[in-house]
Amino acid sequence: MTGVPPRAERVSSGEYTREAVARWIDPRRSLGARVVWTVLPVVLVPAALYWIAADRLLARSEREVTALVREEVRAQTRLNLHLDADERLQQIRAQTERVHAVLREAAREASRVLDEGPERGLPAESLGRLAGGVLGFRSPASS
């Protein structure tokens, strides 16, 4: 048989596809397979490790930042409350000083009036306890 090639056996399309894929995946038969099997671990493994490390670092950083923000808010709130309390204390002291001034003036006025005695033409009144234990002036008619 000269010049006539041997008769090829018929191959189904499924077998042909499997054979082509097997040739493409096998690094001994395909340069593309060598490149894929070389680049895949070199690129994907570090990328996956970086992704996992970055995710964990991000989660830890978020927790730390949240804790710092909470502490800062607490400190600022404490400071604001302290300043508000000091301001209110100053207001109360000022009110207390005004009340004391009014009471001192009233005491001076009462002392002056008591020192002067009763007005001319009025009978003298004596200070004593009235009904219910209240301190007041008893008129001469009620004695």
N, C-alpha and C. Protein backbone atom coordinates (compact mmCIF):
# COMPACT_ATOMS: atom_id res chain seq x y z
N MET A 1 0.81 -1.15 0.00
CA MET A 1 0.00 0.00 0.00
C MET A 1 0.88 1.24 0.00
N THR A 2 0.91 1.67 -1.09
CA THR A 2 1.76 2.82 -1.22
C THR A 2 0.89 4.05 -1.40
N GLY A 3 1.18 5.07 -0.73
CA GLY A 3 0.52 6.35 -0.87
C GLY A 3 -0.87 6.47 -0.29
N VAL A 4 -1.46 5.41 0.14
CA VAL A 4 -2.81 5.50 0.70
C VAL A 4 -2.67 5.41 2.22
N PRO A 5 -3.16 6.42 2.90
CA PRO A 5 -3.07 6.38 4.37
C PRO A 5 -4.00 5.32 4.93
N PRO A 6 -3.65 4.83 6.09
CA PRO A 6 -4.54 3.85 6.69
C PRO A 6 -5.87 4.50 7.06
N ARG A 7 -6.85 3.72 7.05
CA ARG A 7 -8.19 4.21 7.33
C ARG A 7 -8.32 4.56 8.81
N ALA A 8 -8.79 5.78 9.06
CA ALA A 8 -8.95 6.24 10.45
C ALA A 8 -10.25 5.70 11.00
N GLU A 9 -10.16 5.34 12.26
CA GLU A 9 -11.38 4.86 12.90
C GLU A 9 -12.25 6.05 13.24
N ARG A 10 -13.51 5.83 13.16
CA ARG A 10 -14.43 6.91 13.50
C ARG A 10 -14.47 7.06 15.02
N VAL A 11 -14.39 8.34 15.45
CA VAL A 11 -14.40 8.66 16.88
C VAL A 11 -15.61 9.55 17.11
N SER A 12 -16.34 9.26 18.21
CA SER A 12 -17.50 10.09 18.53
C SER A 12 -17.03 11.46 19.02
N SER A 13 -17.92 12.44 18.97
CA SER A 13 -17.54 13.80 19.37
C SER A 13 -17.23 13.88 20.86
N GLY A 14 -17.90 13.09 21.68
CA GLY A 14 -17.64 13.10 23.12
C GLY A 14 -16.25 12.61 23.44
N GLU A 15 -15.82 11.57 22.74
CA GLU A 15 -14.47 11.06 22.96
C GLU A 15 -13.44 12.07 22.49
N TYR A 16 -13.72 12.72 21.37
CA TYR A 16 -12.80 13.71 20.84
C TYR A 16 -12.63 14.88 21.82
N THR A 17 -13.76 15.34 22.40
CA THR A 17 -13.72 16.43 23.35
C THR A 17 -12.93 16.05 24.60
N ARG A 18 -13.16 14.85 25.09
CA ARG A 18 -12.41 14.40 26.27
C ARG A 18 -10.93 14.31 25.98
N GLU A 19 -10.60 13.85 24.81
CA GLU A 19 -9.21 13.72 24.43
C GLU A 19 -8.55 15.09 24.28
N ALA A 20 -9.28 16.05 23.73
CA ALA A 20 -8.74 17.39 23.56
C ALA A 20 -8.53 18.07 24.92
N VAL A 21 -9.47 17.91 25.80
CA VAL A 21 -9.34 18.48 27.14
C VAL A 21 -8.19 17.81 27.88
N ALA A 22 -8.07 16.50 27.75
CA ALA A 22 -6.98 15.79 28.42
C ALA A 22 -5.63 16.27 27.88
N ARG A 23 -5.54 16.52 26.58
CA ARG A 23 -4.30 17.02 25.99
C ARG A 23 -3.99 18.43 26.49
N TRP A 24 -5.04 19.25 26.63
CA TRP A 24 -4.86 20.64 27.03
C TRP A 24 -4.47 20.73 28.51
N ILE A 25 -5.01 19.86 29.35
CA ILE A 25 -4.72 19.89 30.79
C ILE A 25 -3.37 19.26 31.10
N ASP A 26 -2.95 18.31 30.33
CA ASP A 26 -1.71 17.58 30.61
C ASP A 26 -0.52 18.50 30.32
N PRO A 27 0.30 18.84 31.36
CA PRO A 27 1.41 19.75 31.15
C PRO A 27 2.51 19.17 30.26
N ARG A 28 2.55 17.84 30.11
CA ARG A 28 3.56 17.23 29.25
C ARG A 28 3.22 17.41 27.78
N ARG A 29 1.95 17.67 27.48
CA ARG A 29 1.52 17.77 26.09
C ARG A 29 1.27 19.21 25.64
N SER A 30 1.03 20.14 26.60
CA SER A 30 0.59 21.47 26.20
C SER A 30 1.38 22.54 26.94
N LEU A 31 1.84 23.54 26.19
CA LEU A 31 2.53 24.67 26.79
C LEU A 31 1.56 25.52 27.60
N GLY A 32 0.31 25.67 27.12
CA GLY A 32 -0.72 26.41 27.85
C GLY A 32 -0.98 25.79 29.21
N ALA A 33 -1.00 24.46 29.26
CA ALA A 33 -1.22 23.77 30.53
C ALA A 33 -0.07 24.03 31.48
N ARG A 34 1.15 24.06 30.95
CA ARG A 34 2.31 24.35 31.81
C ARG A 34 2.20 25.76 32.40
N VAL A 35 1.81 26.71 31.56
CA VAL A 35 1.68 28.08 32.03
C VAL A 35 0.59 28.18 33.09
N VAL A 36 -0.57 27.55 32.84
CA VAL A 36 -1.67 27.60 33.80
C VAL A 36 -1.28 26.95 35.11
N TRP A 37 -0.69 25.76 35.05
CA TRP A 37 -0.33 25.05 36.28
C TRP A 37 0.82 25.74 37.02
N THR A 38 1.59 26.58 36.32
CA THR A 38 2.65 27.32 36.99
C THR A 38 2.12 28.63 37.58
N VAL A 39 1.33 29.35 36.80
CA VAL A 39 0.84 30.66 37.23
C VAL A 39 -0.25 30.53 38.29
N LEU A 40 -1.09 29.53 38.16
CA LEU A 40 -2.21 29.34 39.08
C LEU A 40 -1.75 29.31 40.54
N PRO A 41 -0.82 28.44 40.92
CA PRO A 41 -0.39 28.44 42.32
C PRO A 41 0.41 29.69 42.69
N VAL A 42 1.16 30.23 41.75
CA VAL A 42 1.99 31.38 42.05
C VAL A 42 1.14 32.63 42.30
N VAL A 43 0.02 32.75 41.61
CA VAL A 43 -0.83 33.94 41.74
C VAL A 43 -1.95 33.71 42.74
N LEU A 44 -2.66 32.62 42.65
CA LEU A 44 -3.85 32.42 43.47
C LEU A 44 -3.55 32.15 44.94
N VAL A 45 -2.52 31.42 45.23
CA VAL A 45 -2.22 31.12 46.64
C VAL A 45 -1.84 32.39 47.39
N PRO A 46 -0.90 33.21 46.89
CA PRO A 46 -0.62 34.46 47.61
C PRO A 46 -1.83 35.40 47.66
N ALA A 47 -2.60 35.43 46.57
CA ALA A 47 -3.79 36.29 46.57
C ALA A 47 -4.78 35.83 47.63
N ALA A 48 -4.98 34.54 47.75
CA ALA A 48 -5.90 34.01 48.76
C ALA A 48 -5.38 34.29 50.17
N LEU A 49 -4.08 34.10 50.38
CA LEU A 49 -3.50 34.38 51.69
C LEU A 49 -3.61 35.87 52.03
N TYR A 50 -3.35 36.73 51.04
CA TYR A 50 -3.49 38.16 51.25
C TYR A 50 -4.93 38.52 51.59
N TRP A 51 -5.87 37.94 50.88
CA TRP A 51 -7.29 38.22 51.10
C TRP A 51 -7.70 37.83 52.52
N ILE A 52 -7.28 36.65 52.97
CA ILE A 52 -7.62 36.18 54.32
C ILE A 52 -6.97 37.08 55.37
N ALA A 53 -5.67 37.40 55.17
CA ALA A 53 -4.97 38.24 56.14
C ALA A 53 -5.57 39.64 56.19
N ALA A 54 -5.88 40.19 55.03
CA ALA A 54 -6.46 41.53 54.99
C ALA A 54 -7.83 41.55 55.65
N ASP A 55 -8.62 40.52 55.44
CA ASP A 55 -9.95 40.44 56.04
C ASP A 55 -9.86 40.39 57.56
N ARG A 56 -8.95 39.57 58.07
CA ARG A 56 -8.78 39.48 59.52
C ARG A 56 -8.23 40.78 60.10
N LEU A 57 -7.29 41.39 59.40
CA LEU A 57 -6.72 42.66 59.86
C LEU A 57 -7.78 43.75 59.86
N LEU A 58 -8.61 43.78 58.84
CA LEU A 58 -9.69 44.76 58.77
C LEU A 58 -10.68 44.57 59.93
N ALA A 59 -11.05 43.32 60.20
CA ALA A 59 -11.99 43.05 61.30
C ALA A 59 -11.38 43.48 62.63
N ARG A 60 -10.10 43.18 62.85
CA ARG A 60 -9.45 43.57 64.10
C ARG A 60 -9.36 45.09 64.21
N SER A 61 -9.01 45.73 63.12
CA SER A 61 -8.92 47.19 63.12
C SER A 61 -10.27 47.83 63.40
N GLU A 62 -11.33 47.29 62.83
CA GLU A 62 -12.67 47.82 63.08
C GLU A 62 -13.02 47.70 64.57
N ARG A 63 -12.69 46.56 65.18
CA ARG A 63 -12.97 46.39 66.61
C ARG A 63 -12.17 47.40 67.43
N GLU A 64 -10.90 47.58 67.09
CA GLU A 64 -10.07 48.51 67.85
C GLU A 64 -10.55 49.95 67.68
N VAL A 65 -10.89 50.33 66.47
CA VAL A 65 -11.37 51.69 66.22
C VAL A 65 -12.68 51.92 66.95
N THR A 66 -13.57 50.93 66.91
CA THR A 66 -14.85 51.05 67.61
C THR A 66 -14.62 51.22 69.11
N ALA A 67 -13.70 50.44 69.67
CA ALA A 67 -13.40 50.57 71.10
C ALA A 67 -12.82 51.95 71.41
N LEU A 68 -11.93 52.44 70.56
CA LEU A 68 -11.35 53.77 70.78
C LEU A 68 -12.41 54.86 70.68
N VAL A 69 -13.30 54.75 69.71
CA VAL A 69 -14.35 55.76 69.56
C VAL A 69 -15.28 55.74 70.77
N ARG A 70 -15.64 54.54 71.22
CA ARG A 70 -16.50 54.44 72.41
C ARG A 70 -15.85 55.09 73.61
N GLU A 71 -14.57 54.81 73.82
CA GLU A 71 -13.86 55.37 74.97
C GLU A 71 -13.77 56.89 74.85
N GLU A 72 -13.53 57.38 73.64
CA GLU A 72 -13.46 58.83 73.44
C GLU A 72 -14.82 59.48 73.70
N VAL A 73 -15.89 58.83 73.26
CA VAL A 73 -17.24 59.37 73.50
C VAL A 73 -17.53 59.38 75.00
N ARG A 74 -17.15 58.31 75.69
CA ARG A 74 -17.36 58.27 77.14
C ARG A 74 -16.59 59.40 77.83
N ALA A 75 -15.33 59.59 77.44
CA ALA A 75 -14.51 60.64 78.06
C ALA A 75 -15.11 62.02 77.77
N GLN A 76 -15.54 62.23 76.54
CA GLN A 76 -16.14 63.53 76.18
C GLN A 76 -17.44 63.75 76.93
N THR A 77 -18.25 62.70 77.08
CA THR A 77 -19.50 62.81 77.82
C THR A 77 -19.23 63.12 79.29
N ARG A 78 -18.23 62.43 79.87
CA ARG A 78 -17.86 62.71 81.26
C ARG A 78 -17.43 64.16 81.42
N LEU A 79 -16.62 64.65 80.49
CA LEU A 79 -16.15 66.03 80.55
C LEU A 79 -17.31 67.00 80.43
N ASN A 80 -18.22 66.74 79.48
CA ASN A 80 -19.38 67.62 79.32
C ASN A 80 -20.25 67.63 80.57
N LEU A 81 -20.47 66.46 81.16
CA LEU A 81 -21.28 66.39 82.39
C LEU A 81 -20.59 67.13 83.53
N HIS A 82 -19.27 66.98 83.61
CA HIS A 82 -18.53 67.67 84.66
C HIS A 82 -18.63 69.18 84.49
N LEU A 83 -18.46 69.64 83.25
CA LEU A 83 -18.56 71.08 82.98
C LEU A 83 -19.98 71.60 83.25
N ASP A 84 -20.98 70.83 82.85
CA ASP A 84 -22.38 71.23 83.12
C ASP A 84 -22.65 71.27 84.62
N ALA A 85 -22.12 70.29 85.35
CA ALA A 85 -22.31 70.26 86.81
C ALA A 85 -21.63 71.46 87.46
N ASP A 86 -20.42 71.80 87.00
CA ASP A 86 -19.73 72.97 87.54
C ASP A 86 -20.51 74.25 87.26
N GLU A 87 -21.05 74.36 86.05
CA GLU A 87 -21.84 75.54 85.70
C GLU A 87 -23.09 75.64 86.58
N ARG A 88 -23.76 74.52 86.77
CA ARG A 88 -24.97 74.51 87.62
C ARG A 88 -24.60 74.84 89.06
N LEU A 89 -23.47 74.34 89.52
CA LEU A 89 -23.01 74.64 90.88
C LEU A 89 -22.77 76.14 91.04
N GLN A 90 -22.17 76.77 90.05
CA GLN A 90 -21.95 78.22 90.10
C GLN A 90 -23.29 78.96 90.13
N GLN A 91 -24.28 78.49 89.35
CA GLN A 91 -25.60 79.11 89.36
C GLN A 91 -26.24 78.99 90.75
N ILE A 92 -26.12 77.80 91.34
CA ILE A 92 -26.70 77.58 92.67
C ILE A 92 -26.00 78.47 93.71
N ARG A 93 -24.68 78.59 93.61
CA ARG A 93 -23.95 79.45 94.54
C ARG A 93 -24.39 80.91 94.40
N ALA A 94 -24.57 81.35 93.15
CA ALA A 94 -25.01 82.72 92.92
C ALA A 94 -26.41 82.94 93.50
N GLN A 95 -27.31 81.99 93.29
CA GLN A 95 -28.66 82.09 93.86
C GLN A 95 -28.60 82.10 95.38
N THR A 96 -27.74 81.24 95.94
CA THR A 96 -27.60 81.18 97.39
C THR A 96 -27.09 82.50 97.94
N GLU A 97 -26.14 83.12 97.27
CA GLU A 97 -25.63 84.43 97.70
C GLU A 97 -26.74 85.48 97.67
N ARG A 98 -27.58 85.44 96.63
CA ARG A 98 -28.69 86.40 96.56
C ARG A 98 -29.68 86.17 97.70
N VAL A 99 -29.99 84.89 97.98
CA VAL A 99 -30.91 84.58 99.08
C VAL A 99 -30.30 85.05 100.40
N HIS A 100 -29.01 84.82 100.61
CA HIS A 100 -28.36 85.27 101.84
C HIS A 100 -28.40 86.79 101.95
N ALA A 101 -28.18 87.47 100.83
CA ALA A 101 -28.23 88.94 100.86
C ALA A 101 -29.63 89.42 101.23
N VAL A 102 -30.65 88.79 100.67
CA VAL A 102 -32.03 89.18 100.99
C VAL A 102 -32.31 88.88 102.46
N LEU A 103 -31.88 87.73 102.94
CA LEU A 103 -32.11 87.38 104.35
C LEU A 103 -31.36 88.33 105.28
N ARG A 104 -30.12 88.70 104.94
CA ARG A 104 -29.37 89.65 105.77
C ARG A 104 -30.10 91.00 105.82
N GLU A 105 -30.58 91.45 104.68
CA GLU A 105 -31.30 92.72 104.62
C GLU A 105 -32.59 92.63 105.44
N ALA A 106 -33.30 91.49 105.30
CA ALA A 106 -34.54 91.31 106.07
C ALA A 106 -34.23 91.27 107.56
N ALA A 107 -33.13 90.62 107.97
CA ALA A 107 -32.76 90.55 109.38
C ALA A 107 -32.41 91.94 109.90
N ARG A 108 -31.67 92.72 109.11
CA ARG A 108 -31.34 94.08 109.53
C ARG A 108 -32.61 94.93 109.68
N GLU A 109 -33.51 94.80 108.73
CA GLU A 109 -34.76 95.57 108.78
C GLU A 109 -35.60 95.14 109.99
N ALA A 110 -35.67 93.82 110.22
CA ALA A 110 -36.45 93.34 111.37
C ALA A 110 -35.81 93.80 112.67
N SER A 111 -34.50 93.76 112.75
CA SER A 111 -33.81 94.21 113.95
C SER A 111 -34.05 95.71 114.18
N ARG A 112 -34.00 96.48 113.12
CA ARG A 112 -34.24 97.92 113.24
C ARG A 112 -35.65 98.19 113.73
N VAL A 113 -36.62 97.48 113.15
CA VAL A 113 -38.01 97.69 113.54
C VAL A 113 -38.23 97.26 114.98
N LEU A 114 -37.63 96.15 115.40
CA LEU A 114 -37.79 95.69 116.79
C LEU A 114 -37.12 96.66 117.75
N ASP A 115 -36.00 97.19 117.35
CA ASP A 115 -35.31 98.15 118.22
C ASP A 115 -36.12 99.43 118.38
N GLU A 116 -36.83 99.84 117.35
CA GLU A 116 -37.65 101.05 117.43
C GLU A 116 -38.84 100.87 118.37
N GLY A 117 -39.30 99.63 118.47
CA GLY A 117 -40.45 99.38 119.31
C GLY A 117 -41.75 99.63 118.56
N PRO A 118 -42.86 99.57 119.29
CA PRO A 118 -44.14 99.76 118.60
C PRO A 118 -44.32 101.20 118.17
N GLU A 119 -45.17 101.38 117.19
CA GLU A 119 -45.46 102.74 116.72
C GLU A 119 -46.17 103.51 117.84
N ARG A 120 -46.07 104.82 117.79
CA ARG A 120 -46.71 105.64 118.82
C ARG A 120 -48.21 105.43 118.77
N GLY A 121 -48.78 105.26 119.85
CA GLY A 121 -50.22 105.12 119.97
C GLY A 121 -50.71 103.69 119.89
N LEU A 122 -49.84 102.72 119.63
CA LEU A 122 -50.26 101.32 119.57
C LEU A 122 -49.83 100.62 120.85
N PRO A 123 -50.64 99.66 121.31
CA PRO A 123 -50.24 98.95 122.53
C PRO A 123 -49.07 98.01 122.23
N ALA A 124 -48.27 97.71 123.22
CA ALA A 124 -47.13 96.79 123.08
C ALA A 124 -47.64 95.38 122.91
N GLU A 125 -46.95 94.62 122.09
CA GLU A 125 -47.32 93.22 121.86
C GLU A 125 -46.17 92.35 122.35
N SER A 126 -46.54 91.18 122.87
CA SER A 126 -45.49 90.27 123.34
C SER A 126 -45.36 89.11 122.34
N LEU A 127 -44.15 88.64 122.16
CA LEU A 127 -43.86 87.55 121.25
C LEU A 127 -44.04 86.24 121.99
N GLY A 128 -44.76 85.29 121.39
CA GLY A 128 -44.99 84.01 122.04
C GLY A 128 -45.51 82.98 121.05
N ARG A 129 -45.78 81.80 121.58
CA ARG A 129 -46.27 80.73 120.72
C ARG A 129 -47.78 80.83 120.61
N LEU A 130 -48.25 80.74 119.41
CA LEU A 130 -49.68 80.75 119.14
C LEU A 130 -50.16 79.33 119.00
N ALA A 131 -51.45 79.14 118.69
CA ALA A 131 -52.03 77.80 118.52
C ALA A 131 -51.29 77.08 117.39
N GLY A 132 -51.00 75.83 117.59
CA GLY A 132 -50.29 75.04 116.57
C GLY A 132 -48.78 75.18 116.67
N GLY A 133 -48.27 75.86 117.67
CA GLY A 133 -46.84 75.97 117.87
C GLY A 133 -46.18 77.02 117.02
N VAL A 134 -46.93 77.89 116.38
CA VAL A 134 -46.37 78.94 115.53
C VAL A 134 -45.95 80.10 116.40
N LEU A 135 -44.79 80.65 116.11
CA LEU A 135 -44.27 81.79 116.86
C LEU A 135 -44.85 83.06 116.27
N GLY A 136 -45.40 83.92 117.09
CA GLY A 136 -46.03 85.17 116.61
C GLY A 136 -46.27 86.13 117.75
N PHE A 137 -46.91 87.26 117.43
CA PHE A 137 -47.21 88.28 118.44
C PHE A 137 -48.61 88.05 118.99
N ARG A 138 -48.68 88.07 120.30
CA ARG A 138 -50.00 87.95 120.94
C ARG A 138 -50.50 89.35 121.29
N SER A 139 -51.67 89.57 120.84
CA SER A 139 -52.23 90.89 121.19
C SER A 139 -52.69 90.83 122.65
N PRO A 140 -52.79 91.98 123.33
CA PRO A 140 -53.18 91.98 124.74
C PRO A 140 -54.59 91.42 124.93
N ALA A 141 -55.43 91.51 123.91
CA ALA A 141 -56.80 91.03 124.05
C ALA A 141 -56.86 89.52 123.98
N SER A 142 -55.92 88.87 123.28
CA SER A 142 -55.98 87.42 123.14
C SER A 142 -55.30 86.69 124.27
N SER A 143 -54.63 87.37 125.21
CA SER A 143 -53.93 86.71 126.30
C SER A 143 -54.83 86.18 127.31
